[in-house]
Amino acid sequence: AVSAAGALLYFFQPVRKDSLSLIDKVSCAQSGTEMILDAATIKNLELMKNLRDGGRKDSLLDIIDFTVTSMGCRLIRNWLLQPLLSCVDIEKRLDAVSEFLSCTIERKELREGMKEIFDLERLKGKISLAVAHARDLVSLKKSLLPLPQIKNMIRPFSSKAIKKIYKFWDNAQDLVE
């Protein structure tokens, strides 16, 4: 695995020197935690696109994606493309979803708070590549400001998955200052 990662980096070095700074870790996909779906399965199950016209409308992603951020949409997309195999992990995720669905007011407040957050993954990439503009840094600051409030919003939730997020949450306030 290490040699494969090295070969990959060696291949990309002359092609995309500027992008290598985006790679902060290399990890092996553990066979056994997530299902590996081939292109035909993804297409036939209409996970991302419908079979009628190849558009997103009426795909599974379109039906279940109620996220309010680009990051949330990517997360749902990844969950659909790499479904969990472990019943325990599936139950934890379902418990978290169930809890969000049952706490209507809290969910609405959380969604409103999340709307203030720009695409942090995209901003991180621009900053890492040193192509960020001043407005990107302002967007980053605006995105980090509501994090303490959002963390407090998830504190009352009791599902294991949400508790784990709360436990490892970093408000990144040192970056705001």
Protein backbone atom coordinates (compact mmCIF):
# COMPACT_ATOMS: atom_id res chain seq x y z
CA ALA A 1 0.00 0.00 0.00
CA VAL A 2 2.84 2.39 0.83
CA SER A 3 4.58 1.71 -2.46
CA ALA A 4 1.32 2.21 -4.35
CA ALA A 5 0.83 5.58 -2.65
CA GLY A 6 4.41 6.54 -3.47
CA ALA A 7 3.94 5.57 -7.11
CA LEU A 8 0.78 7.64 -7.28
CA LEU A 9 2.52 10.70 -5.82
CA TYR A 10 5.47 10.16 -8.18
CA PHE A 11 3.09 10.07 -11.14
CA PHE A 12 1.27 13.25 -10.15
CA GLN A 13 4.36 15.26 -9.20
CA PRO A 14 5.27 16.47 -12.72
CA VAL A 15 1.63 16.76 -13.75
CA ARG A 16 0.11 18.60 -10.78
CA LYS A 17 2.86 19.95 -8.55
CA ASP A 18 0.53 22.56 -7.09
CA SER A 19 -2.08 19.99 -6.04
CA LEU A 20 0.23 17.78 -3.98
CA SER A 21 -0.06 20.17 -1.03
CA LEU A 22 -3.73 19.17 -0.78
CA ILE A 23 -2.78 15.63 0.20
CA ASP A 24 -2.44 15.58 3.97
CA LYS A 25 -2.69 11.83 4.48
CA VAL A 26 -2.90 8.61 2.54
CA SER A 27 -5.00 5.80 3.90
CA CYS A 28 -6.05 2.41 2.69
CA ALA A 29 -9.71 1.78 2.11
CA GLN A 30 -10.61 -0.98 4.51
CA SER A 31 -12.42 -3.71 2.71
CA GLY A 32 -15.12 -4.63 5.11
CA THR A 33 -16.43 -1.25 6.29
CA GLU A 34 -17.95 0.05 3.07
CA MET A 35 -19.45 -1.59 0.04
CA ILE A 36 -17.69 -1.07 -3.27
CA LEU A 37 -20.19 -0.33 -6.03
CA ASP A 38 -19.28 -0.61 -9.69
CA ALA A 39 -20.40 1.91 -12.31
CA ALA A 40 -23.17 -0.34 -13.65
CA THR A 41 -24.68 -0.76 -10.17
CA ILE A 42 -24.55 2.98 -9.51
CA LYS A 43 -26.23 3.62 -12.85
CA ASN A 44 -28.89 0.90 -12.58
CA LEU A 45 -29.85 1.86 -9.03
CA GLU A 46 -30.11 5.46 -10.22
CA LEU A 47 -28.09 6.63 -7.24
CA MET A 48 -26.77 9.84 -8.82
CA LYS A 49 -28.62 10.15 -12.15
CA ASN A 50 -31.92 8.85 -13.47
CA LEU A 51 -32.00 6.42 -16.39
CA ARG A 52 -34.59 8.48 -18.26
CA ASP A 53 -32.43 11.48 -19.24
CA GLY A 54 -29.27 11.14 -17.14
CA GLY A 55 -30.25 14.11 -14.98
CA ARG A 56 -30.13 14.31 -11.20
CA LYS A 57 -33.91 14.78 -10.90
CA ASP A 58 -35.65 11.65 -9.57
CA SER A 59 -32.36 9.95 -8.68
CA LEU A 60 -31.97 8.62 -5.13
CA LEU A 61 -29.62 11.51 -4.36
CA ASP A 62 -32.25 14.00 -5.52
CA ILE A 63 -34.92 12.34 -3.39
CA ILE A 64 -32.98 12.18 -0.11
CA ASP A 65 -30.69 15.24 -0.34
CA PHE A 66 -32.17 17.89 1.92
CA THR A 67 -28.77 19.30 2.85
CA VAL A 68 -28.18 23.06 2.97
CA THR A 69 -24.44 23.06 2.27
CA SER A 70 -22.21 21.78 -0.51
CA MET A 71 -20.29 19.79 2.08
CA GLY A 72 -23.48 18.07 3.22
CA CYS A 73 -24.40 17.20 -0.35
CA ARG A 74 -20.96 15.66 -0.91
CA LEU A 75 -21.31 13.67 2.31
CA ILE A 76 -24.70 12.24 1.28
CA ARG A 77 -23.27 11.49 -2.17
CA ASN A 78 -20.33 9.61 -0.64
CA TRP A 79 -22.63 7.70 1.70
CA LEU A 80 -24.71 6.56 -1.28
CA LEU A 81 -21.69 5.58 -3.36
CA GLN A 82 -19.96 3.79 -0.46
CA PRO A 83 -22.72 2.30 1.73
CA LEU A 84 -21.79 0.91 5.12
CA LEU A 85 -21.53 -2.85 5.60
CA SER A 86 -21.51 -3.07 9.39
CA CYS A 87 -24.97 -3.42 10.92
CA VAL A 88 -23.72 -1.60 14.03
CA ASP A 89 -22.52 1.38 11.96
CA ILE A 90 -25.73 1.41 9.93
CA GLU A 91 -27.80 1.44 13.14
CA LYS A 92 -25.73 4.33 14.55
CA ARG A 93 -26.32 6.35 11.40
CA LEU A 94 -30.03 5.51 11.35
CA ASP A 95 -30.35 6.46 15.03
CA ALA A 96 -28.80 9.86 14.28
CA VAL A 97 -31.11 10.43 11.30
CA SER A 98 -34.11 9.33 13.35
CA GLU A 99 -33.18 11.71 16.15
CA PHE A 100 -32.84 14.63 13.72
CA LEU A 101 -36.20 13.78 12.18
CA SER A 102 -37.93 13.65 15.56
CA CYS A 103 -36.45 16.96 16.78
CA THR A 104 -38.12 19.27 14.27
CA ILE A 105 -37.38 22.60 15.97
CA GLU A 106 -33.75 21.75 16.72
CA ARG A 107 -33.25 20.43 13.20
CA LYS A 108 -34.67 23.64 11.71
CA GLU A 109 -32.39 25.79 13.89
CA LEU A 110 -29.39 23.66 12.98
CA ARG A 111 -30.17 23.94 9.28
CA GLU A 112 -30.42 27.73 9.59
CA GLY A 113 -27.04 27.84 11.33
CA MET A 114 -25.47 25.64 8.66
CA LYS A 115 -26.66 27.98 5.88
CA GLU A 116 -24.10 30.52 7.10
CA ILE A 117 -21.22 28.15 6.36
CA PHE A 118 -19.48 28.37 3.00
CA ASP A 119 -17.86 25.36 1.36
CA LEU A 120 -14.96 24.80 3.77
CA GLU A 121 -13.49 21.95 1.73
CA ARG A 122 -13.34 24.17 -1.36
CA LEU A 123 -11.90 27.07 0.63
CA LYS A 124 -9.26 24.75 2.13
CA GLY A 125 -8.25 23.69 -1.35
CA LYS A 126 -7.92 27.27 -2.60
CA ILE A 127 -5.90 28.28 0.43
CA SER A 128 -3.64 25.21 0.15
CA LEU A 129 -2.98 25.97 -3.51
CA ALA A 130 -2.30 29.64 -2.67
CA VAL A 131 -4.99 30.78 -5.11
CA ALA A 132 -7.37 32.16 -2.48
CA HIS A 133 -8.50 35.75 -2.79
CA ALA A 134 -9.39 38.12 0.03
CA ARG A 135 -13.09 37.25 -0.35
CA ASP A 136 -12.22 33.56 0.21
CA LEU A 137 -10.53 34.42 3.51
CA VAL A 138 -13.54 36.55 4.51
CA SER A 139 -15.80 33.60 3.62
CA LEU A 140 -13.64 31.33 5.77
CA LYS A 141 -13.92 33.68 8.74
CA LYS A 142 -17.70 34.04 8.27
CA SER A 143 -17.96 30.25 8.14
CA LEU A 144 -15.98 29.72 11.33
CA LEU A 145 -17.88 32.29 13.41
CA PRO A 146 -21.10 30.24 13.84
CA LEU A 147 -19.29 26.99 14.72
CA PRO A 148 -19.50 27.41 18.53
CA GLN A 149 -23.23 28.07 18.27
CA ILE A 150 -23.74 25.04 16.02
CA LYS A 151 -21.77 22.87 18.44
CA ASN A 152 -24.09 23.98 21.24
CA MET A 153 -27.09 23.10 19.08
CA ILE A 154 -26.02 19.47 18.76
CA ARG A 155 -25.10 19.08 22.44
CA PRO A 156 -28.56 17.90 23.58
CA PHE A 157 -28.72 15.10 21.02
CA SER A 158 -28.17 11.61 22.40
CA SER A 159 -27.38 9.34 19.44
CA LYS A 160 -23.88 7.85 19.48
CA ALA A 161 -22.98 9.27 16.06
CA ILE A 162 -23.91 12.83 17.04
CA LYS A 163 -22.23 12.50 20.44
CA LYS A 164 -19.04 11.44 18.65
CA ILE A 165 -19.21 14.51 16.40
CA TYR A 166 -19.73 16.72 19.46
CA LYS A 167 -16.81 15.12 21.29
CA PHE A 168 -14.32 15.72 18.48
CA TRP A 169 -15.74 19.09 17.34
CA ASP A 170 -13.16 21.85 16.87
CA ASN A 171 -14.53 25.38 16.68
CA ALA A 172 -11.26 26.55 15.06
CA GLN A 173 -11.56 29.85 16.91
CA ASP A 174 -7.78 30.28 16.79
CA LEU A 175 -8.18 30.77 13.02
CA VAL A 176 -10.91 33.37 13.50
CA GLU A 177 -8.67 35.53 15.65
